């Protein structure tokens, strides 16, 4: 059931629709994260306009997402190697 929610980011209100309570929670957590970063970047870069600050936040968060994706890919490779090693071990010790 879709639910209309209001999210405030960098002082501006946005009307969104959340398809589930879990989606609503994610929207709210994301907005909170953005607002914390916005406050930190505002302190670090006084005089920058909102658009510049939000662009810097988008870059920062995207870098984090890409790093996490690289970690996931590495873990998948490690898992595949371990599975192959286990399979080889089991075949050798039958």
N, C-alpha and C. Protein backbone atom coordinates (compact mmCIF):
# COMPACT_ATOMS: atom_id res chain seq x y z
N UNK A 1 0.85 -1.18 0.00
CA UNK A 1 0.00 0.00 0.00
C UNK A 1 0.89 1.24 0.00
N UNK A 2 0.76 2.06 -1.00
CA UNK A 2 1.57 3.28 -1.11
C UNK A 2 1.16 4.29 -0.04
N UNK A 3 2.19 4.92 0.53
CA UNK A 3 1.94 5.93 1.55
C UNK A 3 2.68 7.20 1.17
N UNK A 4 1.99 8.31 1.22
CA UNK A 4 2.60 9.61 0.95
C UNK A 4 3.38 10.03 2.18
N UNK A 5 4.62 10.46 1.96
CA UNK A 5 5.45 10.92 3.06
C UNK A 5 6.11 12.23 2.68
N UNK A 6 6.49 13.00 3.67
CA UNK A 6 7.21 14.25 3.47
C UNK A 6 8.61 14.10 4.05
N UNK A 7 9.59 14.41 3.23
CA UNK A 7 10.99 14.31 3.64
C UNK A 7 11.63 15.68 3.47
N UNK A 8 12.39 16.09 4.48
CA UNK A 8 13.08 17.37 4.41
C UNK A 8 14.57 17.12 4.19
N UNK A 9 15.08 17.71 3.11
CA UNK A 9 16.50 17.59 2.77
C UNK A 9 17.04 18.98 2.52
N UNK A 10 18.08 19.33 3.26
CA UNK A 10 18.76 20.63 3.12
C UNK A 10 17.75 21.78 3.20
N UNK A 11 16.79 21.64 4.10
CA UNK A 11 15.82 22.69 4.32
C UNK A 11 14.65 22.72 3.36
N UNK A 12 14.61 21.82 2.41
CA UNK A 12 13.51 21.78 1.44
C UNK A 12 12.67 20.53 1.66
N UNK A 13 11.37 20.68 1.54
CA UNK A 13 10.45 19.57 1.71
C UNK A 13 10.20 18.87 0.37
N UNK A 14 10.14 17.56 0.43
CA UNK A 14 9.86 16.76 -0.75
C UNK A 14 8.72 15.81 -0.42
N UNK A 15 7.74 15.76 -1.29
CA UNK A 15 6.62 14.83 -1.15
C UNK A 15 6.95 13.58 -1.95
N UNK A 16 6.98 12.44 -1.25
CA UNK A 16 7.34 11.18 -1.90
C UNK A 16 6.26 10.15 -1.61
N UNK A 17 6.35 9.05 -2.31
CA UNK A 17 5.46 7.93 -2.07
C UNK A 17 6.32 6.72 -1.73
N UNK A 18 6.04 6.13 -0.58
CA UNK A 18 6.74 4.92 -0.15
C UNK A 18 5.81 3.73 -0.38
N UNK A 19 6.33 2.71 -1.02
CA UNK A 19 5.50 1.55 -1.36
C UNK A 19 5.31 0.60 -0.18
N UNK A 20 6.23 0.66 0.78
CA UNK A 20 6.14 -0.21 1.96
C UNK A 20 6.64 0.57 3.18
N UNK A 21 6.33 0.09 4.37
CA UNK A 21 6.89 0.73 5.56
C UNK A 21 8.43 0.68 5.57
N UNK A 22 8.98 -0.41 5.03
CA UNK A 22 10.43 -0.53 4.94
C UNK A 22 11.02 0.54 4.02
N UNK A 23 10.34 0.79 2.90
CA UNK A 23 10.79 1.82 1.96
C UNK A 23 10.72 3.20 2.63
N UNK A 24 9.65 3.43 3.38
CA UNK A 24 9.53 4.70 4.09
C UNK A 24 10.71 4.89 5.06
N UNK A 25 11.02 3.84 5.79
CA UNK A 25 12.14 3.92 6.74
C UNK A 25 13.45 4.21 6.02
N UNK A 26 13.66 3.57 4.87
CA UNK A 26 14.87 3.83 4.10
C UNK A 26 14.93 5.27 3.62
N UNK A 27 13.82 5.81 3.14
CA UNK A 27 13.78 7.21 2.73
C UNK A 27 14.15 8.12 3.89
N UNK A 28 13.58 7.85 5.05
CA UNK A 28 13.84 8.69 6.22
C UNK A 28 15.30 8.59 6.67
N UNK A 29 15.85 7.39 6.66
CA UNK A 29 17.25 7.22 7.03
C UNK A 29 18.17 7.89 6.02
N UNK A 30 17.84 7.78 4.74
CA UNK A 30 18.65 8.43 3.71
C UNK A 30 18.61 9.94 3.88
N UNK A 31 17.44 10.50 4.14
CA UNK A 31 17.33 11.94 4.34
C UNK A 31 18.13 12.38 5.55
N UNK A 32 18.08 11.59 6.61
CA UNK A 32 18.84 11.91 7.82
C UNK A 32 20.34 11.91 7.53
N UNK A 33 20.80 10.91 6.77
CA UNK A 33 22.21 10.84 6.40
C UNK A 33 22.61 12.04 5.57
N UNK A 34 21.79 12.38 4.58
CA UNK A 34 22.09 13.54 3.73
C UNK A 34 22.13 14.81 4.57
N UNK A 35 21.17 14.98 5.46
CA UNK A 35 21.14 16.19 6.29
C UNK A 35 22.34 16.29 7.21
N UNK A 36 22.80 15.16 7.75
CA UNK A 36 24.02 15.18 8.58
C UNK A 36 25.23 15.58 7.74
N UNK A 37 25.34 14.99 6.56
CA UNK A 37 26.45 15.34 5.66
C UNK A 37 26.36 16.81 5.25
N UNK A 38 25.14 17.26 4.98
CA UNK A 38 24.94 18.65 4.57
C UNK A 38 25.43 19.59 5.67
N UNK A 39 25.09 19.29 6.91
CA UNK A 39 25.54 20.12 8.03
C UNK A 39 27.06 20.10 8.14
N UNK A 40 27.66 18.93 7.99
CA UNK A 40 29.12 18.81 8.07
C UNK A 40 29.80 19.56 6.93
N UNK A 41 29.29 19.40 5.71
CA UNK A 41 29.89 20.09 4.57
C UNK A 41 29.68 21.60 4.67
N UNK A 42 28.55 22.02 5.22
CA UNK A 42 28.29 23.45 5.40
C UNK A 42 29.32 24.05 6.35
N UNK A 43 29.66 23.32 7.40
CA UNK A 43 30.70 23.79 8.33
C UNK A 43 32.08 23.80 7.67
N UNK A 44 32.36 22.76 6.89
CA UNK A 44 33.68 22.63 6.26
C UNK A 44 33.88 23.58 5.09
N UNK A 45 32.80 23.91 4.40
CA UNK A 45 32.89 24.75 3.20
C UNK A 45 31.91 25.92 3.30
N UNK A 46 32.16 26.84 4.24
CA UNK A 46 31.25 27.97 4.37
C UNK A 46 31.24 28.80 3.09
N UNK A 47 30.07 29.30 2.76
CA UNK A 47 29.95 30.13 1.57
C UNK A 47 29.56 29.38 0.32
N UNK A 48 29.65 28.04 0.35
CA UNK A 48 29.23 27.27 -0.83
C UNK A 48 27.71 27.27 -0.89
N UNK A 49 27.19 27.28 -2.11
CA UNK A 49 25.72 27.27 -2.22
C UNK A 49 25.18 25.85 -2.05
N UNK A 50 23.88 25.75 -1.85
CA UNK A 50 23.23 24.47 -1.58
C UNK A 50 23.50 23.48 -2.69
N UNK A 51 23.43 23.91 -3.93
CA UNK A 51 23.65 23.02 -5.06
C UNK A 51 25.05 22.42 -5.03
N UNK A 52 26.05 23.25 -4.75
CA UNK A 52 27.42 22.75 -4.66
C UNK A 52 27.57 21.75 -3.53
N UNK A 53 26.99 22.06 -2.37
CA UNK A 53 27.08 21.16 -1.23
C UNK A 53 26.40 19.83 -1.52
N UNK A 54 25.22 19.87 -2.13
CA UNK A 54 24.52 18.63 -2.45
C UNK A 54 25.28 17.82 -3.50
N UNK A 55 25.94 18.51 -4.43
CA UNK A 55 26.77 17.81 -5.42
C UNK A 55 27.94 17.11 -4.74
N UNK A 56 28.55 17.77 -3.77
CA UNK A 56 29.66 17.16 -3.04
C UNK A 56 29.17 15.97 -2.22
N UNK A 57 27.99 16.08 -1.66
CA UNK A 57 27.41 14.96 -0.90
C UNK A 57 27.14 13.79 -1.85
N UNK A 58 26.58 14.07 -3.01
CA UNK A 58 26.31 13.01 -3.99
C UNK A 58 27.60 12.31 -4.39
N UNK A 59 28.66 13.08 -4.62
CA UNK A 59 29.95 12.48 -4.97
C UNK A 59 30.46 11.61 -3.83
N UNK A 60 30.43 12.13 -2.62
CA UNK A 60 30.91 11.40 -1.45
C UNK A 60 30.15 10.09 -1.27
N UNK A 61 28.84 10.15 -1.33
CA UNK A 61 28.02 8.94 -1.14
C UNK A 61 28.22 7.95 -2.28
N UNK A 62 28.43 8.43 -3.48
CA UNK A 62 28.65 7.54 -4.62
C UNK A 62 29.99 6.84 -4.49
N UNK A 63 31.01 7.55 -4.03
CA UNK A 63 32.30 6.92 -3.79
C UNK A 63 32.16 5.80 -2.77
N UNK A 64 31.43 6.06 -1.70
CA UNK A 64 31.21 5.03 -0.68
C UNK A 64 30.49 3.83 -1.29
N UNK A 65 29.46 4.08 -2.08
CA UNK A 65 28.71 2.98 -2.72
C UNK A 65 29.61 2.16 -3.63
N UNK A 66 30.47 2.84 -4.41
CA UNK A 66 31.38 2.13 -5.31
C UNK A 66 32.41 1.32 -4.54
N UNK A 67 32.91 1.86 -3.43
CA UNK A 67 33.84 1.10 -2.59
C UNK A 67 33.17 -0.15 -2.03
N UNK A 68 31.93 0.00 -1.59
CA UNK A 68 31.20 -1.16 -1.07
C UNK A 68 30.97 -2.20 -2.16
N UNK A 69 30.67 -1.75 -3.37
CA UNK A 69 30.46 -2.69 -4.48
C UNK A 69 31.76 -3.43 -4.78
N UNK A 70 32.89 -2.73 -4.73
CA UNK A 70 34.18 -3.39 -4.94
C UNK A 70 34.42 -4.44 -3.85
N UNK A 71 34.09 -4.10 -2.61
CA UNK A 71 34.23 -5.06 -1.52
C UNK A 71 33.35 -6.28 -1.75
N UNK A 72 32.11 -6.06 -2.16
CA UNK A 72 31.20 -7.17 -2.44
C UNK A 72 31.76 -8.06 -3.54
N UNK A 73 32.26 -7.45 -4.61
CA UNK A 73 32.83 -8.22 -5.71
C UNK A 73 34.02 -9.05 -5.24
N UNK A 74 34.88 -8.45 -4.39
CA UNK A 74 36.03 -9.17 -3.85
C UNK A 74 35.57 -10.34 -2.98
N UNK A 75 34.56 -10.10 -2.15
CA UNK A 75 34.04 -11.17 -1.29
C UNK A 75 33.44 -12.30 -2.11
N UNK A 76 32.76 -11.95 -3.20
CA UNK A 76 32.21 -12.99 -4.07
C UNK A 76 33.32 -13.83 -4.68
N UNK A 77 34.40 -13.17 -5.13
CA UNK A 77 35.55 -13.91 -5.68
C UNK A 77 36.15 -14.82 -4.62
N UNK A 78 36.32 -14.30 -3.41
CA UNK A 78 36.86 -15.11 -2.31
C UNK A 78 35.96 -16.30 -2.03
N UNK A 79 34.66 -16.07 -2.01
CA UNK A 79 33.70 -17.14 -1.75
C UNK A 79 33.81 -18.21 -2.84
N UNK A 80 33.90 -17.78 -4.10
CA UNK A 80 34.01 -18.73 -5.20
C UNK A 80 35.30 -19.55 -5.09
N UNK A 81 36.40 -18.89 -4.73
CA UNK A 81 37.67 -19.61 -4.57
C UNK A 81 37.60 -20.60 -3.43
N UNK A 82 36.99 -20.20 -2.32
CA UNK A 82 36.85 -21.11 -1.18
C UNK A 82 35.96 -22.30 -1.53
N UNK A 83 34.88 -22.04 -2.26
CA UNK A 83 33.99 -23.12 -2.67
C UNK A 83 34.72 -24.10 -3.58
N UNK A 84 35.55 -23.56 -4.48
CA UNK A 84 36.31 -24.42 -5.39
C UNK A 84 37.35 -25.24 -4.60
N UNK A 85 38.03 -24.57 -3.66
CA UNK A 85 39.00 -25.28 -2.83
C UNK A 85 38.32 -26.38 -2.02
N UNK A 86 37.17 -26.10 -1.46
CA UNK A 86 36.44 -27.09 -0.69
C UNK A 86 36.03 -28.26 -1.57
N UNK A 87 35.52 -27.94 -2.75
CA UNK A 87 35.12 -29.01 -3.67
C UNK A 87 36.31 -29.89 -4.03
N UNK A 88 37.45 -29.27 -4.33
CA UNK A 88 38.67 -30.03 -4.65
C UNK A 88 39.10 -30.89 -3.48
N UNK A 89 39.07 -30.33 -2.29
CA UNK A 89 39.45 -31.06 -1.08
C UNK A 89 38.56 -32.28 -0.88
N UNK A 90 37.26 -32.07 -1.03
CA UNK A 90 36.32 -33.16 -0.82
C UNK A 90 36.50 -34.26 -1.87
N UNK A 91 36.79 -33.88 -3.10
CA UNK A 91 36.99 -34.86 -4.16
C UNK A 91 38.28 -35.66 -3.92
N UNK A 92 39.31 -35.00 -3.41
CA UNK A 92 40.59 -35.67 -3.17
C UNK A 92 40.52 -36.60 -1.96
N UNK A 93 39.61 -36.35 -1.06
CA UNK A 93 39.56 -37.11 0.19
C UNK A 93 38.34 -38.03 0.27
N UNK A 94 37.86 -38.49 -0.86
CA UNK A 94 36.74 -39.43 -0.87
C UNK A 94 37.23 -40.83 -0.76
